[in-house]
Amino acid sequence: MERRYDWFTQHRKTRGLELAHEQITKALDTVTWLHKATKSFCQKNFQEARKYIENLFITEEGVDQLRTDTFKELSKGVALVADYREDLLHLVKRADTLADHTKDAARCLIMLSDADIPKELCDKTVLMTGKLVDITQILRGCIEKISSNPAEAICEAKKVEEIEHEIDVEYLKTKRLFVKYGASMNSGAMVIFDDLIEFIEHAADMCSDTADYIRVLSNRE
């Protein structure tokens, strides 16, 4: 009986981690779509930017559904070790919040499509989303290694904090440019652009939080 219980527990753990992996991967995909949309936006190719944003929205809907599926799986009959389950749920929640922030940033791009945004501000935004993509590439590898190579997952997850700090620095540099361009920009566009870079910065924070839980889960393997 004990052996059978262990099998069910391990199966639930594996299935839950598989669903979480799929959900987190989709969440990270929203970052890639945001970066593509931001580059197209800054090149004034608004039609292409809108296409990427639509892809982002579709992907984000998939993230929501997978979050629900993961929660259901982890709440079924045979329970995992409580600490492991809670850490995995936290990981899923943060991936969901990451996708929410990228979706909100994309909405800002839509609202700014008729605004005249200075090139320097656009370039800074592309730089930030590019670094956000760098973070997601690291996280993808970490997620895959939670069970197969937890030591390496822990090591790579530490790199996320370094890039997240770089995004924080760029975020503050961009905010300082508001003084330079404040008089020439439409005030409404300035407010929305401020929201845009803030959502990007929040997304980076969520990536850092996700890396923290990857380290915790890897230590439990």
N, C-alpha and C. Protein backbone atom coordinates (compact mmCIF):
# COMPACT_ATOMS: atom_id res chain seq x y z
N MET A 1 0.83 -1.21 0.00
CA MET A 1 0.00 0.00 0.00
C MET A 1 0.86 1.26 0.00
N GLU A 2 1.90 1.21 0.82
CA GLU A 2 2.80 2.37 0.90
C GLU A 2 3.48 2.63 -0.44
N ARG A 3 3.88 1.55 -1.11
CA ARG A 3 4.53 1.69 -2.41
C ARG A 3 3.55 2.28 -3.43
N ARG A 4 2.29 1.84 -3.36
CA ARG A 4 1.27 2.35 -4.27
C ARG A 4 1.04 3.84 -4.00
N TYR A 5 1.00 4.21 -2.74
CA TYR A 5 0.82 5.62 -2.37
C TYR A 5 1.99 6.45 -2.91
N ASP A 6 3.20 5.95 -2.78
CA ASP A 6 4.37 6.66 -3.27
C ASP A 6 4.28 6.87 -4.79
N TRP A 7 3.77 5.83 -5.48
CA TRP A 7 3.65 5.94 -6.94
C TRP A 7 2.67 7.05 -7.31
N PHE A 8 1.52 7.08 -6.64
CA PHE A 8 0.53 8.11 -6.94
C PHE A 8 1.07 9.50 -6.60
N THR A 9 1.79 9.59 -5.51
CA THR A 9 2.35 10.88 -5.12
C THR A 9 3.35 11.38 -6.17
N GLN A 10 4.23 10.47 -6.60
CA GLN A 10 5.21 10.84 -7.61
C GLN A 10 4.54 11.19 -8.93
N HIS A 11 3.49 10.43 -9.29
CA HIS A 11 2.75 10.72 -10.53
C HIS A 11 2.12 12.10 -10.47
N ARG A 12 1.52 12.41 -9.33
CA ARG A 12 0.88 13.71 -9.17
C ARG A 12 1.92 14.83 -9.24
N LYS A 13 3.05 14.59 -8.62
CA LYS A 13 4.15 15.57 -8.64
C LYS A 13 4.63 15.78 -10.06
N THR A 14 4.82 14.68 -10.80
CA THR A 14 5.31 14.79 -12.18
C THR A 14 4.29 15.48 -13.08
N ARG A 15 3.02 15.07 -12.95
CA ARG A 15 1.97 15.67 -13.79
C ARG A 15 1.81 17.15 -13.46
N GLY A 16 1.86 17.49 -12.18
CA GLY A 16 1.73 18.89 -11.78
C GLY A 16 2.87 19.73 -12.32
N LEU A 17 4.08 19.17 -12.27
CA LEU A 17 5.24 19.90 -12.77
C LEU A 17 5.19 20.05 -14.28
N GLU A 18 4.67 19.02 -14.96
CA GLU A 18 4.53 19.11 -16.42
C GLU A 18 3.56 20.22 -16.82
N LEU A 19 2.42 20.29 -16.13
CA LEU A 19 1.44 21.34 -16.42
C LEU A 19 2.01 22.72 -16.08
N ALA A 20 2.71 22.79 -14.96
CA ALA A 20 3.33 24.06 -14.57
C ALA A 20 4.36 24.49 -15.60
N HIS A 21 5.15 23.52 -16.09
CA HIS A 21 6.16 23.81 -17.11
C HIS A 21 5.50 24.38 -18.36
N GLU A 22 4.39 23.76 -18.79
CA GLU A 22 3.70 24.24 -19.99
C GLU A 22 3.13 25.64 -19.77
N GLN A 23 2.56 25.86 -18.58
CA GLN A 23 1.98 27.17 -18.28
C GLN A 23 3.03 28.26 -18.23
N ILE A 24 4.15 27.96 -17.59
CA ILE A 24 5.22 28.95 -17.46
C ILE A 24 5.84 29.24 -18.83
N THR A 25 5.99 28.20 -19.65
CA THR A 25 6.55 28.39 -20.99
C THR A 25 5.68 29.34 -21.81
N LYS A 26 4.36 29.16 -21.72
CA LYS A 26 3.45 30.07 -22.44
C LYS A 26 3.56 31.49 -21.90
N ALA A 27 3.70 31.61 -20.57
CA ALA A 27 3.85 32.93 -19.97
C ALA A 27 5.12 33.62 -20.49
N LEU A 28 6.19 32.84 -20.62
CA LEU A 28 7.44 33.40 -21.13
C LEU A 28 7.31 33.78 -22.61
N ASP A 29 6.46 33.05 -23.34
CA ASP A 29 6.22 33.38 -24.75
C ASP A 29 5.60 34.77 -24.91
N THR A 30 4.81 35.19 -23.93
CA THR A 30 4.20 36.53 -24.04
C THR A 30 5.26 37.62 -24.05
N VAL A 31 6.37 37.36 -23.38
CA VAL A 31 7.48 38.33 -23.37
C VAL A 31 8.08 38.47 -24.76
N THR A 32 8.25 37.34 -25.45
CA THR A 32 8.79 37.37 -26.81
C THR A 32 7.88 38.16 -27.73
N TRP A 33 6.57 37.93 -27.63
CA TRP A 33 5.62 38.68 -28.46
C TRP A 33 5.66 40.18 -28.13
N LEU A 34 5.81 40.50 -26.84
CA LEU A 34 5.89 41.91 -26.44
C LEU A 34 7.12 42.57 -27.05
N HIS A 35 8.25 41.87 -27.02
CA HIS A 35 9.48 42.44 -27.58
C HIS A 35 9.33 42.68 -29.08
N LYS A 36 8.75 41.72 -29.78
CA LYS A 36 8.54 41.88 -31.22
C LYS A 36 7.60 43.06 -31.49
N ALA A 37 6.55 43.16 -30.69
CA ALA A 37 5.59 44.25 -30.86
C ALA A 37 6.24 45.60 -30.59
N THR A 38 7.08 45.66 -29.57
CA THR A 38 7.75 46.92 -29.22
C THR A 38 8.70 47.36 -30.32
N LYS A 39 9.44 46.42 -30.88
CA LYS A 39 10.35 46.77 -31.98
C LYS A 39 9.58 47.29 -33.18
N SER A 40 8.49 46.62 -33.53
CA SER A 40 7.68 47.06 -34.67
C SER A 40 7.06 48.42 -34.39
N PHE A 41 6.60 48.62 -33.16
CA PHE A 41 6.02 49.91 -32.77
C PHE A 41 7.04 51.03 -32.95
N CYS A 42 8.26 50.81 -32.50
CA CYS A 42 9.29 51.84 -32.58
C CYS A 42 9.74 52.11 -34.02
N GLN A 43 9.49 51.14 -34.89
CA GLN A 43 9.77 51.33 -36.32
C GLN A 43 8.55 51.90 -37.05
N LYS A 44 7.52 52.23 -36.25
CA LYS A 44 6.24 52.78 -36.76
C LYS A 44 5.52 51.82 -37.69
N ASN A 45 5.80 50.53 -37.51
CA ASN A 45 5.08 49.51 -38.25
C ASN A 45 3.95 49.01 -37.34
N PHE A 46 2.90 49.83 -37.24
CA PHE A 46 1.85 49.56 -36.26
C PHE A 46 0.99 48.34 -36.62
N GLN A 47 0.84 48.07 -37.90
CA GLN A 47 0.07 46.90 -38.30
C GLN A 47 0.75 45.61 -37.85
N GLU A 48 2.06 45.56 -38.04
CA GLU A 48 2.82 44.39 -37.60
C GLU A 48 2.81 44.29 -36.08
N ALA A 49 2.95 45.43 -35.41
CA ALA A 49 2.93 45.45 -33.95
C ALA A 49 1.60 44.90 -33.43
N ARG A 50 0.50 45.29 -34.07
CA ARG A 50 -0.82 44.81 -33.65
C ARG A 50 -0.95 43.29 -33.83
N LYS A 51 -0.34 42.77 -34.88
CA LYS A 51 -0.37 41.32 -35.11
C LYS A 51 0.33 40.59 -33.96
N TYR A 52 1.50 41.11 -33.56
CA TYR A 52 2.23 40.49 -32.46
C TYR A 52 1.45 40.60 -31.15
N ILE A 53 0.79 41.73 -30.96
CA ILE A 53 0.00 41.93 -29.75
C ILE A 53 -1.18 40.96 -29.70
N GLU A 54 -1.81 40.74 -30.83
CA GLU A 54 -2.91 39.76 -30.88
C GLU A 54 -2.40 38.37 -30.52
N ASN A 55 -1.21 38.02 -31.00
CA ASN A 55 -0.61 36.73 -30.63
C ASN A 55 -0.34 36.66 -29.13
N LEU A 56 0.09 37.78 -28.58
CA LEU A 56 0.34 37.86 -27.14
C LEU A 56 -0.96 37.61 -26.36
N PHE A 57 -2.04 38.25 -26.78
CA PHE A 57 -3.32 38.10 -26.09
C PHE A 57 -3.80 36.64 -26.13
N ILE A 58 -3.66 36.01 -27.29
CA ILE A 58 -4.07 34.60 -27.44
C ILE A 58 -3.24 33.71 -26.51
N THR A 59 -1.94 33.97 -26.48
CA THR A 59 -1.05 33.18 -25.63
C THR A 59 -1.38 33.37 -24.16
N GLU A 60 -1.71 34.61 -23.79
CA GLU A 60 -2.04 34.90 -22.40
C GLU A 60 -3.31 34.17 -21.96
N GLU A 61 -4.27 34.01 -22.86
CA GLU A 61 -5.48 33.26 -22.54
C GLU A 61 -5.13 31.80 -22.24
N GLY A 62 -4.18 31.27 -23.00
CA GLY A 62 -3.73 29.90 -22.74
C GLY A 62 -3.06 29.76 -21.39
N VAL A 63 -2.35 30.80 -20.97
CA VAL A 63 -1.71 30.80 -19.66
C VAL A 63 -2.76 30.69 -18.55
N ASP A 64 -3.84 31.45 -18.70
CA ASP A 64 -4.91 31.42 -17.70
C ASP A 64 -5.52 30.02 -17.59
N GLN A 65 -5.78 29.39 -18.74
CA GLN A 65 -6.39 28.05 -18.73
C GLN A 65 -5.45 27.02 -18.10
N LEU A 66 -4.18 27.10 -18.43
CA LEU A 66 -3.22 26.15 -17.86
C LEU A 66 -3.03 26.36 -16.36
N ARG A 67 -3.14 27.59 -15.91
CA ARG A 67 -3.07 27.85 -14.47
C ARG A 67 -4.21 27.11 -13.77
N THR A 68 -5.42 27.21 -14.34
CA THR A 68 -6.57 26.52 -13.76
C THR A 68 -6.35 25.01 -13.76
N ASP A 69 -5.85 24.46 -14.87
CA ASP A 69 -5.61 23.02 -14.97
C ASP A 69 -4.57 22.56 -13.95
N THR A 70 -3.55 23.38 -13.77
CA THR A 70 -2.49 23.03 -12.81
C THR A 70 -3.03 23.01 -11.39
N PHE A 71 -3.83 24.02 -11.05
CA PHE A 71 -4.41 24.09 -9.72
C PHE A 71 -5.29 22.87 -9.45
N LYS A 72 -6.09 22.47 -10.46
CA LYS A 72 -6.96 21.30 -10.31
C LYS A 72 -6.13 20.04 -10.08
N GLU A 73 -5.08 19.89 -10.86
CA GLU A 73 -4.23 18.70 -10.75
C GLU A 73 -3.60 18.60 -9.36
N LEU A 74 -3.14 19.72 -8.85
CA LEU A 74 -2.44 19.70 -7.56
C LEU A 74 -3.39 19.60 -6.37
N SER A 75 -4.70 19.75 -6.63
CA SER A 75 -5.67 19.66 -5.54
C SER A 75 -6.38 18.31 -5.52
N LYS A 76 -6.03 17.41 -6.43
CA LYS A 76 -6.69 16.11 -6.49
C LYS A 76 -6.30 15.21 -5.32
N GLY A 77 -7.11 14.17 -5.16
CA GLY A 77 -7.02 13.21 -4.08
C GLY A 77 -5.69 13.02 -3.39
N VAL A 78 -4.74 12.41 -4.07
CA VAL A 78 -3.47 12.11 -3.42
C VAL A 78 -2.61 13.36 -3.39
N ALA A 79 -2.36 13.85 -2.22
CA ALA A 79 -1.67 15.13 -2.08
C ALA A 79 -0.16 14.97 -2.18
N LEU A 80 0.47 15.99 -2.70
CA LEU A 80 1.92 16.05 -2.66
C LEU A 80 2.36 16.50 -1.27
N VAL A 81 3.63 16.42 -1.04
CA VAL A 81 4.17 17.04 0.17
C VAL A 81 3.74 18.51 0.15
N ALA A 82 3.17 18.96 1.24
CA ALA A 82 2.54 20.28 1.29
C ALA A 82 3.47 21.40 0.83
N ASP A 83 4.70 21.38 1.30
CA ASP A 83 5.64 22.45 0.96
C ASP A 83 5.92 22.47 -0.54
N TYR A 84 6.10 21.30 -1.14
CA TYR A 84 6.37 21.23 -2.57
C TYR A 84 5.18 21.77 -3.36
N ARG A 85 3.99 21.34 -2.97
CA ARG A 85 2.79 21.79 -3.67
C ARG A 85 2.64 23.31 -3.59
N GLU A 86 2.84 23.86 -2.41
CA GLU A 86 2.70 25.30 -2.23
C GLU A 86 3.71 26.07 -3.06
N ASP A 87 4.94 25.59 -3.10
CA ASP A 87 5.98 26.27 -3.89
C ASP A 87 5.66 26.21 -5.38
N LEU A 88 5.14 25.07 -5.82
CA LEU A 88 4.77 24.93 -7.23
C LEU A 88 3.61 25.85 -7.58
N LEU A 89 2.64 25.97 -6.67
CA LEU A 89 1.51 26.88 -6.89
C LEU A 89 1.98 28.33 -6.95
N HIS A 90 2.91 28.68 -6.08
CA HIS A 90 3.46 30.04 -6.11
C HIS A 90 4.16 30.32 -7.44
N LEU A 91 4.87 29.31 -7.93
CA LEU A 91 5.56 29.45 -9.22
C LEU A 91 4.55 29.71 -10.33
N VAL A 92 3.47 28.96 -10.34
CA VAL A 92 2.43 29.11 -11.36
C VAL A 92 1.76 30.49 -11.26
N LYS A 93 1.49 30.92 -10.05
CA LYS A 93 0.85 32.23 -9.85
C LYS A 93 1.73 33.36 -10.38
N ARG A 94 3.02 33.25 -10.15
CA ARG A 94 3.93 34.31 -10.61
C ARG A 94 4.05 34.32 -12.12
N ALA A 95 4.03 33.16 -12.73
CA ALA A 95 4.05 33.10 -14.19
C ALA A 95 2.79 33.75 -14.76
N ASP A 96 1.67 33.51 -14.10
CA ASP A 96 0.40 34.11 -14.53
C ASP A 96 0.46 35.64 -14.40
N THR A 97 1.02 36.12 -13.30
CA THR A 97 1.14 37.56 -13.11
C THR A 97 2.10 38.18 -14.12
N LEU A 98 3.16 37.45 -14.46
CA LEU A 98 4.09 37.90 -15.50
C LEU A 98 3.34 38.13 -16.81
N ALA A 99 2.51 37.17 -17.20
CA ALA A 99 1.74 37.29 -18.44
C ALA A 99 0.77 38.46 -18.36
N ASP A 100 0.20 38.70 -17.19
CA ASP A 100 -0.70 39.85 -17.01
C ASP A 100 0.03 41.16 -17.26
N HIS A 101 1.26 41.26 -16.75
CA HIS A 101 2.03 42.50 -16.92
C HIS A 101 2.40 42.73 -18.39
N THR A 102 2.77 41.66 -19.09
CA THR A 102 3.11 41.83 -20.51
C THR A 102 1.87 42.21 -21.31
N LYS A 103 0.72 41.64 -20.93
CA LYS A 103 -0.53 42.01 -21.60
C LYS A 103 -0.86 43.49 -21.37
N ASP A 104 -0.68 43.95 -20.14
CA ASP A 104 -0.94 45.36 -19.84
C ASP A 104 0.02 46.28 -20.59
N ALA A 105 1.28 45.86 -20.72
CA ALA A 105 2.25 46.65 -21.48
C ALA A 105 1.82 46.73 -22.95
N ALA A 106 1.34 45.60 -23.49
CA ALA A 106 0.88 45.58 -24.88
C ALA A 106 -0.32 46.50 -25.08
N ARG A 107 -1.20 46.56 -24.11
CA ARG A 107 -2.35 47.47 -24.19
C ARG A 107 -1.88 48.92 -24.26
N CYS A 108 -0.82 49.22 -23.53
CA CYS A 108 -0.27 50.58 -23.58
C CYS A 108 0.24 50.90 -24.99
N LEU A 109 0.89 49.92 -25.62
CA LEU A 109 1.37 50.14 -26.99
C LEU A 109 0.21 50.46 -27.93
N ILE A 110 -0.89 49.76 -27.75
CA ILE A 110 -2.06 50.02 -28.59
C ILE A 110 -2.54 51.46 -28.39
N MET A 111 -2.61 51.90 -27.15
CA MET A 111 -3.09 53.25 -26.85
C MET A 111 -2.13 54.32 -27.36
N LEU A 112 -0.86 53.95 -27.51
CA LEU A 112 0.14 54.93 -27.96
C LEU A 112 0.35 54.94 -29.47
N SER A 113 -0.43 54.16 -30.20
CA SER A 113 -0.20 54.00 -31.63
C SER A 113 -0.33 55.32 -32.41
N ASP A 114 -1.10 56.28 -31.89
CA ASP A 114 -1.25 57.56 -32.57
C ASP A 114 -0.39 58.66 -31.96
N ALA A 115 0.41 58.30 -30.98
CA ALA A 115 1.24 59.29 -30.28
C ALA A 115 2.61 59.41 -30.93
N ASP A 116 3.21 60.56 -30.74
CA ASP A 116 4.56 60.81 -31.25
C ASP A 116 5.54 60.60 -30.10
N ILE A 117 6.14 59.42 -30.07
CA ILE A 117 7.07 59.07 -28.99
C ILE A 117 8.50 59.31 -29.47
N PRO A 118 9.29 60.08 -28.74
CA PRO A 118 10.69 60.33 -29.13
C PRO A 118 11.47 59.03 -29.32
N LYS A 119 12.35 59.01 -30.30
CA LYS A 119 13.11 57.81 -30.63
C LYS A 119 13.92 57.31 -29.44
N GLU A 120 14.48 58.22 -28.67
CA GLU A 120 15.31 57.81 -27.54
C GLU A 120 14.49 57.00 -26.53
N LEU A 121 13.25 57.42 -26.30
CA LEU A 121 12.39 56.67 -25.39
C LEU A 121 12.03 55.31 -25.97
N CYS A 122 11.76 55.29 -27.27
CA CYS A 122 11.46 54.02 -27.94
C CYS A 122 12.63 53.05 -27.84
N ASP A 123 13.82 53.56 -28.09
CA ASP A 123 15.01 52.71 -28.05
C ASP A 123 15.23 52.12 -26.66
N LYS A 124 14.96 52.91 -25.64
CA LYS A 124 15.11 52.43 -24.27
C LYS A 124 14.10 51.32 -23.97
N THR A 125 12.90 51.47 -24.51
CA THR A 125 11.87 50.46 -24.28
C THR A 125 12.23 49.15 -24.95
N VAL A 126 12.73 49.23 -26.17
CA VAL A 126 13.17 48.02 -26.88
C VAL A 126 14.32 47.35 -26.13
N LEU A 127 15.22 48.16 -25.58
CA LEU A 127 16.34 47.62 -24.81
C LEU A 127 15.81 46.84 -23.59
N MET A 128 14.82 47.42 -22.91
CA MET A 128 14.27 46.77 -21.72
C MET A 128 13.56 45.46 -22.07
N THR A 129 12.75 45.47 -23.12
CA THR A 129 12.04 44.23 -23.49
C THR A 129 13.03 43.18 -24.01
N GLY A 130 14.11 43.64 -24.65
CA GLY A 130 15.14 42.70 -25.10
C GLY A 130 15.80 42.00 -23.93
N LYS A 131 16.09 42.75 -22.87
CA LYS A 131 16.67 42.14 -21.67
C LYS A 131 15.67 41.22 -20.99
N LEU A 132 14.39 41.57 -21.09
CA LEU A 132 13.35 40.71 -20.53
C LEU A 132 13.32 39.37 -21.27
N VAL A 133 13.52 39.40 -22.57
CA VAL A 133 13.61 38.16 -23.35
C VAL A 133 14.81 37.34 -22.88
N ASP A 134 15.93 38.02 -22.60
CA ASP A 134 17.12 37.31 -22.11
C ASP A 134 16.80 36.55 -20.82
N ILE A 135 16.04 37.19 -19.94
CA ILE A 135 15.66 36.54 -18.68
C ILE A 135 14.82 35.31 -18.96
N THR A 136 13.86 35.44 -19.86
CA THR A 136 12.96 34.31 -20.12
C THR A 136 13.70 33.12 -20.72
N GLN A 137 14.73 33.39 -21.51
CA GLN A 137 15.51 32.29 -22.08
C GLN A 137 16.21 31.50 -20.97
N ILE A 138 16.70 32.22 -19.97
CA ILE A 138 17.33 31.55 -18.83
C ILE A 138 16.29 30.75 -18.05
N LEU A 139 15.13 31.35 -17.83
CA LEU A 139 14.08 30.68 -17.06
C LEU A 139 13.59 29.41 -17.75
N ARG A 140 13.50 29.45 -19.08
CA ARG A 140 13.08 28.25 -19.82
C ARG A 140 14.00 27.07 -19.49
N GLY A 141 15.30 27.35 -19.55
CA GLY A 141 16.26 26.30 -19.26
C GLY A 141 16.18 25.82 -17.82
N CYS A 142 15.95 26.76 -16.90
CA CYS A 142 15.86 26.41 -15.48
C CYS A 142 14.67 25.50 -15.21
N ILE A 143 13.53 25.82 -15.80
CA ILE A 143 12.32 25.03 -15.59
C ILE A 143 12.55 23.59 -16.04
N GLU A 144 13.20 23.43 -17.18
CA GLU A 144 13.44 22.09 -17.72
C GLU A 144 14.38 21.27 -16.83
N LYS A 145 15.20 21.97 -16.04
CA LYS A 145 16.22 21.27 -15.26
C LYS A 145 15.85 21.09 -13.78
N ILE A 146 14.64 21.51 -13.39
CA ILE A 146 14.25 21.37 -11.98
C ILE A 146 14.40 19.93 -11.51
N SER A 147 13.94 19.00 -12.33
CA SER A 147 14.04 17.59 -11.96
C SER A 147 15.29 16.91 -12.53
N SER A 148 15.65 17.25 -13.78
CA SER A 148 16.75 16.55 -14.44
C SER A 148 18.13 16.98 -13.94
N ASN A 149 18.28 18.28 -13.61
CA ASN A 149 19.58 18.77 -13.14
C ASN A 149 19.35 19.95 -12.20
N PRO A 150 18.83 19.68 -11.00
CA PRO A 150 18.48 20.76 -10.08
C PRO A 150 19.64 21.68 -9.70
N ALA A 151 20.85 21.13 -9.60
CA ALA A 151 22.00 21.96 -9.24
C ALA A 151 22.26 23.03 -10.30
N GLU A 152 22.15 22.63 -11.56
CA GLU A 152 22.36 23.58 -12.64
C GLU A 152 21.21 24.59 -12.73
N ALA A 153 19.99 24.12 -12.43
CA ALA A 153 18.83 25.03 -12.42
C ALA A 153 19.03 26.13 -11.39
N ILE A 154 19.54 25.76 -10.23
CA ILE A 154 19.80 26.74 -9.16
C ILE A 154 20.87 27.74 -9.60
N CYS A 155 21.92 27.23 -10.22
CA CYS A 155 23.03 28.07 -10.67
C CYS A 155 22.56 29.08 -11.72
N GLU A 156 21.79 28.61 -12.70
CA GLU A 156 21.34 29.49 -13.77
C GLU A 156 20.31 30.49 -13.29
N ALA A 157 19.48 30.09 -12.33
CA ALA A 157 18.45 30.98 -11.83
C ALA A 157 19.05 32.24 -11.20
N LYS A 158 20.26 32.11 -10.67
CA LYS A 158 20.92 33.27 -10.06
C LYS A 158 21.23 34.36 -11.09
N LYS A 159 21.38 33.96 -12.36
CA LYS A 159 21.69 34.93 -13.41
C LYS A 159 20.51 35.88 -13.67
N VAL A 160 19.32 35.41 -13.33
CA VAL A 160 18.12 36.22 -13.57
C VAL A 160 18.19 37.52 -12.78
N GLU A 161 18.67 37.45 -11.55
CA GLU A 161 18.76 38.64 -10.71
C GLU A 161 19.67 39.69 -11.33
N GLU A 162 20.74 39.25 -11.97
CA GLU A 162 21.69 40.19 -12.58
C GLU A 162 21.01 40.98 -13.72
N ILE A 163 20.28 40.26 -14.57
CA ILE A 163 19.62 40.94 -15.70
C ILE A 163 18.45 41.78 -15.20
N GLU A 164 17.75 41.28 -14.17
CA GLU A 164 16.65 42.06 -13.60
C GLU A 164 17.16 43.39 -13.07
N HIS A 165 18.36 43.37 -12.48
CA HIS A 165 18.96 44.62 -12.00
C HIS A 165 19.27 45.56 -13.17
N GLU A 166 19.75 45.00 -14.28
CA GLU A 166 20.04 45.82 -15.46
C GLU A 166 18.77 46.49 -15.98
N ILE A 167 17.65 45.77 -15.93
CA ILE A 167 16.37 46.35 -16.37
C ILE A 167 15.96 47.47 -15.43
N ASP A 168 16.16 47.29 -14.14
CA ASP A 168 15.86 48.35 -13.17
C ASP A 168 16.65 49.62 -13.48
N VAL A 169 17.92 49.43 -13.82
CA VAL A 169 18.78 50.58 -14.14
C VAL A 169 18.25 51.30 -15.39
N GLU A 170 17.90 50.53 -16.42
CA GLU A 170 17.37 51.13 -17.65
C GLU A 170 16.03 51.80 -17.42
N TYR A 171 15.25 51.22 -16.54
CA TYR A 171 13.95 51.80 -16.19
C TYR A 171 14.12 53.20 -15.59
N LEU A 172 15.07 53.33 -14.67
CA LEU A 172 15.32 54.63 -14.04
C LEU A 172 15.91 55.63 -15.04
N LYS A 173 16.77 55.15 -15.92
CA LYS A 173 17.34 56.03 -16.96
C LYS A 173 16.23 56.56 -17.87
N THR A 174 15.28 55.69 -18.19
CA THR A 174 14.18 56.09 -19.05
C THR A 174 13.29 57.11 -18.35
N LYS A 175 13.04 56.90 -17.08
CA LYS A 175 12.23 57.85 -16.31
C LYS A 175 12.88 59.23 -16.29
N ARG A 176 14.21 59.26 -16.21
CA ARG A 176 14.92 60.55 -16.19
C ARG A 176 14.72 61.31 -17.50
N LEU A 177 14.52 60.58 -18.58
CA LEU A 177 14.32 61.22 -19.88
C LEU A 177 12.99 61.97 -19.96
N PHE A 178 12.10 61.71 -19.02
CA PHE A 178 10.82 62.42 -19.02
C PHE A 178 11.03 63.92 -18.84
N VAL A 179 12.07 64.27 -18.09
CA VAL A 179 12.39 65.69 -17.89
C VAL A 179 12.81 66.32 -19.23
N LYS A 180 13.58 65.55 -19.98
CA LYS A 180 14.08 66.04 -21.27
C LYS A 180 12.96 66.22 -22.29
N TYR A 181 12.01 65.28 -22.29
CA TYR A 181 10.98 65.30 -23.33
C TYR A 181 9.59 65.72 -22.84
N GLY A 182 9.49 66.02 -21.56
CA GLY A 182 8.19 66.34 -20.98
C GLY A 182 7.48 67.49 -21.66
N ALA A 183 8.22 68.53 -22.03
CA ALA A 183 7.60 69.72 -22.62
C ALA A 183 7.11 69.48 -24.04
N SER A 184 7.71 68.54 -24.73
CA SER A 184 7.37 68.31 -26.14
C SER A 184 6.37 67.17 -26.36
N MET A 185 6.14 66.36 -25.32
CA MET A 185 5.23 65.23 -25.45
C MET A 185 3.83 65.57 -24.95
N ASN A 186 2.85 64.94 -25.58
CA ASN A 186 1.48 65.04 -25.10
C ASN A 186 1.42 64.46 -23.68
N SER A 187 0.75 65.17 -22.77
CA SER A 187 0.75 64.74 -21.37
C SER A 187 0.08 63.37 -21.20
N GLY A 188 -0.98 63.12 -21.97
CA GLY A 188 -1.65 61.82 -21.87
C GLY A 188 -0.74 60.70 -22.35
N ALA A 189 -0.01 60.96 -23.44
CA ALA A 189 0.93 59.96 -23.96
C ALA A 189 2.04 59.70 -22.96
N MET A 190 2.47 60.74 -22.27
CA MET A 190 3.52 60.59 -21.26
C MET A 190 3.06 59.67 -20.13
N VAL A 191 1.82 59.84 -19.69
CA VAL A 191 1.28 59.01 -18.61
C VAL A 191 1.21 57.55 -19.05
N ILE A 192 0.72 57.32 -20.27
CA ILE A 192 0.59 55.94 -20.77
C ILE A 192 1.97 55.31 -20.98
N PHE A 193 2.90 56.11 -21.49
CA PHE A 193 4.26 55.59 -21.68
C PHE A 193 4.89 55.23 -20.34
N ASP A 194 4.61 56.05 -19.33
CA ASP A 194 5.11 55.75 -17.99
C ASP A 194 4.55 54.40 -17.51
N ASP A 195 3.25 54.17 -17.78
CA ASP A 195 2.65 52.88 -17.43
C ASP A 195 3.33 51.74 -18.19
N LEU A 196 3.63 51.98 -19.46
CA LEU A 196 4.25 50.96 -20.31
C LEU A 196 5.55 50.45 -19.70
N ILE A 197 6.46 51.36 -19.38
CA ILE A 197 7.75 50.92 -18.86
C ILE A 197 7.63 50.37 -17.44
N GLU A 198 6.60 50.82 -16.73
CA GLU A 198 6.39 50.29 -15.38
C GLU A 198 5.93 48.84 -15.45
N PHE A 199 5.05 48.53 -16.40
CA PHE A 199 4.61 47.14 -16.56
C PHE A 199 5.78 46.24 -16.96
N ILE A 200 6.67 46.77 -17.79
CA ILE A 200 7.85 46.00 -18.18
C ILE A 200 8.73 45.73 -16.96
N GLU A 201 8.89 46.75 -16.14
CA GLU A 201 9.69 46.60 -14.92
C GLU A 201 9.04 45.60 -13.96
N HIS A 202 7.72 45.65 -13.85
CA HIS A 202 7.01 44.69 -13.00
C HIS A 202 7.17 43.27 -13.54
N ALA A 203 7.15 43.13 -14.85
CA ALA A 203 7.35 41.81 -15.46
C ALA A 203 8.72 41.26 -15.10
N ALA A 204 9.72 42.12 -15.11
CA ALA A 204 11.08 41.70 -14.72
C ALA A 204 11.10 41.26 -13.26
N ASP A 205 10.38 41.96 -12.40
CA ASP A 205 10.30 41.57 -11.00
C ASP A 205 9.68 40.18 -10.85
N MET A 206 8.64 39.92 -11.65
CA MET A 206 7.99 38.61 -11.59
C MET A 206 8.93 37.50 -12.07
N CYS A 207 9.76 37.81 -13.05
CA CYS A 207 10.76 36.84 -13.50
C CYS A 207 11.73 36.51 -12.37
N SER A 208 12.12 37.54 -11.64
CA SER A 208 13.03 37.33 -10.51
C SER A 208 12.37 36.47 -9.44
N ASP A 209 11.09 36.75 -9.15
CA ASP A 209 10.35 35.95 -8.17
C ASP A 209 10.23 34.51 -8.64
N THR A 210 9.98 34.33 -9.95
CA THR A 210 9.87 32.99 -10.51
C THR A 210 11.18 32.23 -10.33
N ALA A 211 12.29 32.91 -10.56
CA ALA A 211 13.61 32.29 -10.37
C ALA A 211 13.80 31.86 -8.91
N ASP A 212 13.30 32.67 -7.98
CA ASP A 212 13.41 32.31 -6.55
C ASP A 212 12.72 30.98 -6.27
N TYR A 213 11.53 30.80 -6.82
CA TYR A 213 10.79 29.56 -6.57
C TYR A 213 11.37 28.38 -7.34
N ILE A 214 12.01 28.66 -8.46
CA ILE A 214 12.72 27.59 -9.17
C ILE A 214 13.85 27.06 -8.29
N ARG A 215 14.55 27.97 -7.63
CA ARG A 215 15.63 27.55 -6.74
C ARG A 215 15.09 26.72 -5.57
N VAL A 216 13.97 27.16 -5.02
CA VAL A 216 13.37 26.43 -3.90
C VAL A 216 12.95 25.03 -4.31
N LEU A 217 12.25 24.93 -5.46
CA LEU A 217 11.80 23.63 -5.95
C LEU A 217 12.98 22.73 -6.30
N SER A 218 14.01 23.30 -6.88
CA SER A 218 15.19 22.51 -7.23
C SER A 218 15.86 21.95 -5.99
N ASN A 219 15.86 22.72 -4.92
CA ASN A 219 16.45 22.25 -3.67
C ASN A 219 15.65 21.12 -3.05
N ARG A 220 14.37 21.01 -3.44
CA ARG A 220 13.52 19.95 -2.90
C ARG A 220 13.66 18.65 -3.68
N GLU A 221 14.31 18.72 -4.86
CA GLU A 221 14.45 17.51 -5.68
C GLU A 221 15.49 16.54 -5.08
